[in-house]
Amino acid sequence: MLLATVMLLAALIGLGLARLGAAEARAASAQAAADAAALAGAADGRRAATTVAEANQARLISFVQDGLDAEVVVVRAGHRAVARARWQPGYTDIPPG
């Protein structure tokens, strides 16, 4: 009886940890979508941010551009994430070789 109780308790703990891990993975994927959308938005504006968010199965909730800075809010799989990015002109230029 004690062994069955211990095994049941271990299974319940394992299930709880699996759910916690899945929630953390969904939150991380929402943050990744926000980061990508902010980078796209800083470089090319709201339309690019929306396109990138949707490509990552996220919905763009807010987009604010202030000069070279962009801030986005996205929702993905029920998780809300905020990201900021700054476009640096010439940063992606390939140096002469």
N, C-alpha and C. Protein backbone atom coordinates (compact mmCIF):
# COMPACT_ATOMS: atom_id res chain seq x y z
N MET A 1 0.82 -1.19 0.00
CA MET A 1 0.00 0.00 0.00
C MET A 1 0.86 1.26 0.00
N LEU A 2 1.92 1.25 0.80
CA LEU A 2 2.82 2.41 0.86
C LEU A 2 3.50 2.63 -0.49
N LEU A 3 3.90 1.55 -1.13
CA LEU A 3 4.55 1.66 -2.44
C LEU A 3 3.59 2.27 -3.47
N ALA A 4 2.35 1.85 -3.45
CA ALA A 4 1.35 2.38 -4.39
C ALA A 4 1.13 3.87 -4.13
N THR A 5 1.11 4.27 -2.88
CA THR A 5 0.93 5.69 -2.54
C THR A 5 2.11 6.51 -3.01
N VAL A 6 3.30 6.00 -2.79
CA VAL A 6 4.52 6.70 -3.23
C VAL A 6 4.54 6.81 -4.75
N MET A 7 4.16 5.75 -5.44
CA MET A 7 4.15 5.78 -6.91
C MET A 7 3.11 6.77 -7.43
N LEU A 8 1.94 6.81 -6.79
CA LEU A 8 0.90 7.76 -7.19
C LEU A 8 1.37 9.19 -6.96
N LEU A 9 1.98 9.44 -5.82
CA LEU A 9 2.50 10.77 -5.52
C LEU A 9 3.58 11.17 -6.53
N ALA A 10 4.47 10.26 -6.86
CA ALA A 10 5.52 10.55 -7.85
C ALA A 10 4.91 10.85 -9.22
N ALA A 11 3.88 10.11 -9.59
CA ALA A 11 3.22 10.35 -10.88
C ALA A 11 2.54 11.72 -10.90
N LEU A 12 1.90 12.09 -9.81
CA LEU A 12 1.25 13.40 -9.74
C LEU A 12 2.27 14.54 -9.78
N ILE A 13 3.38 14.37 -9.11
CA ILE A 13 4.44 15.38 -9.16
C ILE A 13 4.99 15.49 -10.57
N GLY A 14 5.21 14.35 -11.21
CA GLY A 14 5.70 14.35 -12.59
C GLY A 14 4.74 15.04 -13.54
N LEU A 15 3.45 14.80 -13.37
CA LEU A 15 2.44 15.44 -14.20
C LEU A 15 2.44 16.95 -13.98
N GLY A 16 2.54 17.36 -12.74
CA GLY A 16 2.60 18.79 -12.43
C GLY A 16 3.81 19.46 -13.05
N LEU A 17 4.96 18.80 -12.96
CA LEU A 17 6.18 19.35 -13.56
C LEU A 17 6.08 19.42 -15.08
N ALA A 18 5.44 18.43 -15.68
CA ALA A 18 5.27 18.44 -17.14
C ALA A 18 4.39 19.60 -17.57
N ARG A 19 3.33 19.85 -16.82
CA ARG A 19 2.45 20.98 -17.15
C ARG A 19 3.17 22.31 -16.97
N LEU A 20 3.95 22.41 -15.91
CA LEU A 20 4.72 23.63 -15.67
C LEU A 20 5.72 23.85 -16.80
N GLY A 21 6.39 22.80 -17.22
CA GLY A 21 7.34 22.90 -18.32
C GLY A 21 6.68 23.31 -19.62
N ALA A 22 5.50 22.77 -19.89
CA ALA A 22 4.77 23.13 -21.11
C ALA A 22 4.36 24.60 -21.08
N ALA A 23 3.93 25.09 -19.92
CA ALA A 23 3.54 26.50 -19.80
C ALA A 23 4.75 27.41 -20.01
N GLU A 24 5.89 27.02 -19.48
CA GLU A 24 7.11 27.81 -19.67
C GLU A 24 7.53 27.81 -21.14
N ALA A 25 7.37 26.69 -21.81
CA ALA A 25 7.72 26.62 -23.23
C ALA A 25 6.81 27.52 -24.06
N ARG A 26 5.51 27.56 -23.73
CA ARG A 26 4.59 28.45 -24.44
C ARG A 26 4.93 29.91 -24.19
N ALA A 27 5.30 30.24 -22.96
CA ALA A 27 5.69 31.62 -22.65
C ALA A 27 6.96 32.00 -23.40
N ALA A 28 7.90 31.08 -23.48
CA ALA A 28 9.15 31.35 -24.20
C ALA A 28 8.89 31.53 -25.69
N SER A 29 7.98 30.75 -26.26
CA SER A 29 7.69 30.90 -27.68
C SER A 29 6.97 32.22 -27.95
N ALA A 30 6.16 32.67 -27.01
CA ALA A 30 5.52 33.98 -27.16
C ALA A 30 6.57 35.08 -27.12
N GLN A 31 7.55 34.95 -26.23
CA GLN A 31 8.61 35.96 -26.14
C GLN A 31 9.47 35.96 -27.41
N ALA A 32 9.75 34.78 -27.94
CA ALA A 32 10.53 34.70 -29.18
C ALA A 32 9.78 35.37 -30.33
N ALA A 33 8.47 35.16 -30.40
CA ALA A 33 7.66 35.81 -31.44
C ALA A 33 7.67 37.32 -31.27
N ALA A 34 7.60 37.79 -30.03
CA ALA A 34 7.65 39.24 -29.77
C ALA A 34 9.01 39.82 -30.15
N ASP A 35 10.07 39.12 -29.80
CA ASP A 35 11.42 39.60 -30.14
C ASP A 35 11.58 39.73 -31.65
N ALA A 36 11.15 38.71 -32.38
CA ALA A 36 11.28 38.74 -33.84
C ALA A 36 10.42 39.85 -34.45
N ALA A 37 9.21 40.02 -33.93
CA ALA A 37 8.33 41.07 -34.45
C ALA A 37 8.90 42.45 -34.16
N ALA A 38 9.50 42.64 -32.99
CA ALA A 38 10.09 43.94 -32.66
C ALA A 38 11.27 44.25 -33.58
N LEU A 39 12.10 43.26 -33.85
CA LEU A 39 13.23 43.47 -34.76
C LEU A 39 12.73 43.84 -36.16
N ALA A 40 11.74 43.11 -36.64
CA ALA A 40 11.19 43.40 -37.97
C ALA A 40 10.55 44.78 -37.99
N GLY A 41 9.82 45.11 -36.94
CA GLY A 41 9.16 46.40 -36.86
C GLY A 41 10.13 47.56 -36.78
N ALA A 42 11.21 47.39 -36.05
CA ALA A 42 12.21 48.46 -35.96
C ALA A 42 12.83 48.74 -37.32
N ALA A 43 13.02 47.69 -38.10
CA ALA A 43 13.65 47.85 -39.41
C ALA A 43 12.66 48.32 -40.47
N ASP A 44 11.43 47.78 -40.46
CA ASP A 44 10.51 48.00 -41.58
C ASP A 44 9.09 48.40 -41.20
N GLY A 45 8.83 48.71 -39.94
CA GLY A 45 7.53 49.23 -39.56
C GLY A 45 6.50 48.20 -39.16
N ARG A 46 5.29 48.70 -38.92
CA ARG A 46 4.20 47.90 -38.38
C ARG A 46 3.84 46.70 -39.26
N ARG A 47 3.77 46.90 -40.57
CA ARG A 47 3.39 45.80 -41.46
C ARG A 47 4.37 44.63 -41.31
N ALA A 48 5.66 44.93 -41.24
CA ALA A 48 6.66 43.87 -41.08
C ALA A 48 6.50 43.18 -39.73
N ALA A 49 6.24 43.96 -38.68
CA ALA A 49 6.03 43.38 -37.35
C ALA A 49 4.83 42.45 -37.35
N THR A 50 3.76 42.86 -38.00
CA THR A 50 2.55 42.04 -38.08
C THR A 50 2.82 40.75 -38.84
N THR A 51 3.50 40.86 -39.97
CA THR A 51 3.82 39.69 -40.79
C THR A 51 4.65 38.68 -40.01
N VAL A 52 5.67 39.16 -39.31
CA VAL A 52 6.55 38.27 -38.55
C VAL A 52 5.80 37.65 -37.37
N ALA A 53 4.99 38.44 -36.69
CA ALA A 53 4.20 37.89 -35.58
C ALA A 53 3.29 36.77 -36.08
N GLU A 54 2.59 37.02 -37.18
CA GLU A 54 1.68 36.00 -37.72
C GLU A 54 2.43 34.77 -38.21
N ALA A 55 3.63 34.96 -38.74
CA ALA A 55 4.45 33.81 -39.17
C ALA A 55 4.84 32.94 -37.98
N ASN A 56 4.84 33.53 -36.79
CA ASN A 56 5.16 32.80 -35.56
C ASN A 56 3.90 32.43 -34.77
N GLN A 57 2.76 32.38 -35.46
CA GLN A 57 1.47 32.03 -34.85
C GLN A 57 1.13 32.92 -33.66
N ALA A 58 1.48 34.20 -33.76
CA ALA A 58 1.17 35.17 -32.72
C ALA A 58 0.31 36.28 -33.32
N ARG A 59 -0.34 37.02 -32.45
CA ARG A 59 -1.17 38.15 -32.87
C ARG A 59 -0.55 39.42 -32.31
N LEU A 60 -0.30 40.38 -33.19
CA LEU A 60 0.25 41.67 -32.77
C LEU A 60 -0.86 42.47 -32.11
N ILE A 61 -0.68 42.82 -30.85
CA ILE A 61 -1.68 43.57 -30.09
C ILE A 61 -1.36 45.06 -30.12
N SER A 62 -0.08 45.38 -30.06
CA SER A 62 0.32 46.79 -30.00
C SER A 62 1.65 46.96 -30.73
N PHE A 63 1.77 48.09 -31.42
CA PHE A 63 3.03 48.45 -32.08
C PHE A 63 3.23 49.94 -31.90
N VAL A 64 4.36 50.31 -31.33
CA VAL A 64 4.71 51.73 -31.16
C VAL A 64 6.11 51.92 -31.71
N GLN A 65 6.23 52.87 -32.63
CA GLN A 65 7.55 53.19 -33.18
C GLN A 65 7.88 54.63 -32.81
N ASP A 66 9.06 54.81 -32.25
CA ASP A 66 9.54 56.12 -31.84
C ASP A 66 10.95 56.28 -32.40
N GLY A 67 11.04 56.92 -33.55
CA GLY A 67 12.35 57.05 -34.19
C GLY A 67 12.86 55.70 -34.63
N LEU A 68 14.02 55.32 -34.13
CA LEU A 68 14.62 54.04 -34.49
C LEU A 68 14.16 52.89 -33.59
N ASP A 69 13.38 53.20 -32.56
CA ASP A 69 12.94 52.20 -31.59
C ASP A 69 11.54 51.70 -31.92
N ALA A 70 11.32 50.43 -31.65
CA ALA A 70 9.98 49.84 -31.80
C ALA A 70 9.69 49.01 -30.57
N GLU A 71 8.43 49.05 -30.14
CA GLU A 71 7.97 48.21 -29.04
C GLU A 71 6.72 47.49 -29.51
N VAL A 72 6.68 46.19 -29.28
CA VAL A 72 5.52 45.39 -29.68
C VAL A 72 4.98 44.62 -28.49
N VAL A 73 3.70 44.32 -28.57
CA VAL A 73 3.06 43.40 -27.64
C VAL A 73 2.37 42.36 -28.50
N VAL A 74 2.65 41.09 -28.22
CA VAL A 74 2.02 39.99 -28.96
C VAL A 74 1.38 39.02 -27.99
N VAL A 75 0.44 38.25 -28.51
CA VAL A 75 -0.16 37.15 -27.76
C VAL A 75 0.00 35.89 -28.60
N ARG A 76 0.53 34.85 -27.96
CA ARG A 76 0.70 33.56 -28.63
C ARG A 76 0.35 32.47 -27.63
N ALA A 77 -0.54 31.60 -28.02
CA ALA A 77 -0.96 30.48 -27.18
C ALA A 77 -1.40 30.95 -25.80
N GLY A 78 -2.09 32.10 -25.76
CA GLY A 78 -2.60 32.61 -24.50
C GLY A 78 -1.59 33.36 -23.65
N HIS A 79 -0.37 33.50 -24.14
CA HIS A 79 0.67 34.20 -23.38
C HIS A 79 0.96 35.54 -24.04
N ARG A 80 1.06 36.57 -23.22
CA ARG A 80 1.34 37.93 -23.68
C ARG A 80 2.83 38.19 -23.48
N ALA A 81 3.46 38.80 -24.49
CA ALA A 81 4.89 39.11 -24.40
C ALA A 81 5.15 40.49 -24.99
N VAL A 82 6.11 41.19 -24.40
CA VAL A 82 6.50 42.53 -24.83
C VAL A 82 7.96 42.48 -25.24
N ALA A 83 8.30 43.19 -26.32
CA ALA A 83 9.69 43.27 -26.75
C ALA A 83 9.97 44.64 -27.34
N ARG A 84 11.22 45.05 -27.21
CA ARG A 84 11.68 46.32 -27.78
C ARG A 84 12.91 46.06 -28.62
N ALA A 85 13.04 46.84 -29.69
CA ALA A 85 14.21 46.71 -30.56
C ALA A 85 14.56 48.08 -31.11
N ARG A 86 15.81 48.23 -31.50
CA ARG A 86 16.29 49.46 -32.12
C ARG A 86 16.97 49.11 -33.43
N TRP A 87 16.59 49.83 -34.48
CA TRP A 87 17.22 49.65 -35.78
C TRP A 87 18.47 50.49 -35.82
N GLN A 88 19.56 49.88 -36.28
CA GLN A 88 20.83 50.60 -36.41
C GLN A 88 21.21 50.63 -37.88
N PRO A 89 21.04 51.77 -38.54
CA PRO A 89 21.36 51.86 -39.96
C PRO A 89 22.79 51.40 -40.24
N GLY A 90 22.92 50.59 -41.27
CA GLY A 90 24.25 50.13 -41.67
C GLY A 90 24.76 48.96 -40.88
N TYR A 91 24.07 48.56 -39.82
CA TYR A 91 24.56 47.48 -38.97
C TYR A 91 24.64 46.16 -39.72
N THR A 92 23.73 45.95 -40.67
CA THR A 92 23.72 44.67 -41.39
C THR A 92 24.54 44.71 -42.67
N ASP A 93 25.17 45.83 -42.95
CA ASP A 93 26.00 45.91 -44.15
C ASP A 93 27.17 44.95 -44.05
N ILE A 94 27.46 44.29 -45.15
CA ILE A 94 28.59 43.37 -45.19
C ILE A 94 29.84 44.20 -45.48
N PRO A 95 30.88 44.05 -44.65
CA PRO A 95 32.09 44.84 -44.89
C PRO A 95 32.76 44.43 -46.20
N PRO A 96 33.42 45.38 -46.86
CA PRO A 96 34.12 45.04 -48.10
C PRO A 96 35.19 43.99 -47.84
N GLY A 97 35.31 43.09 -48.78
CA GLY A 97 36.17 41.97 -48.52
C GLY A 97 37.41 41.91 -49.23
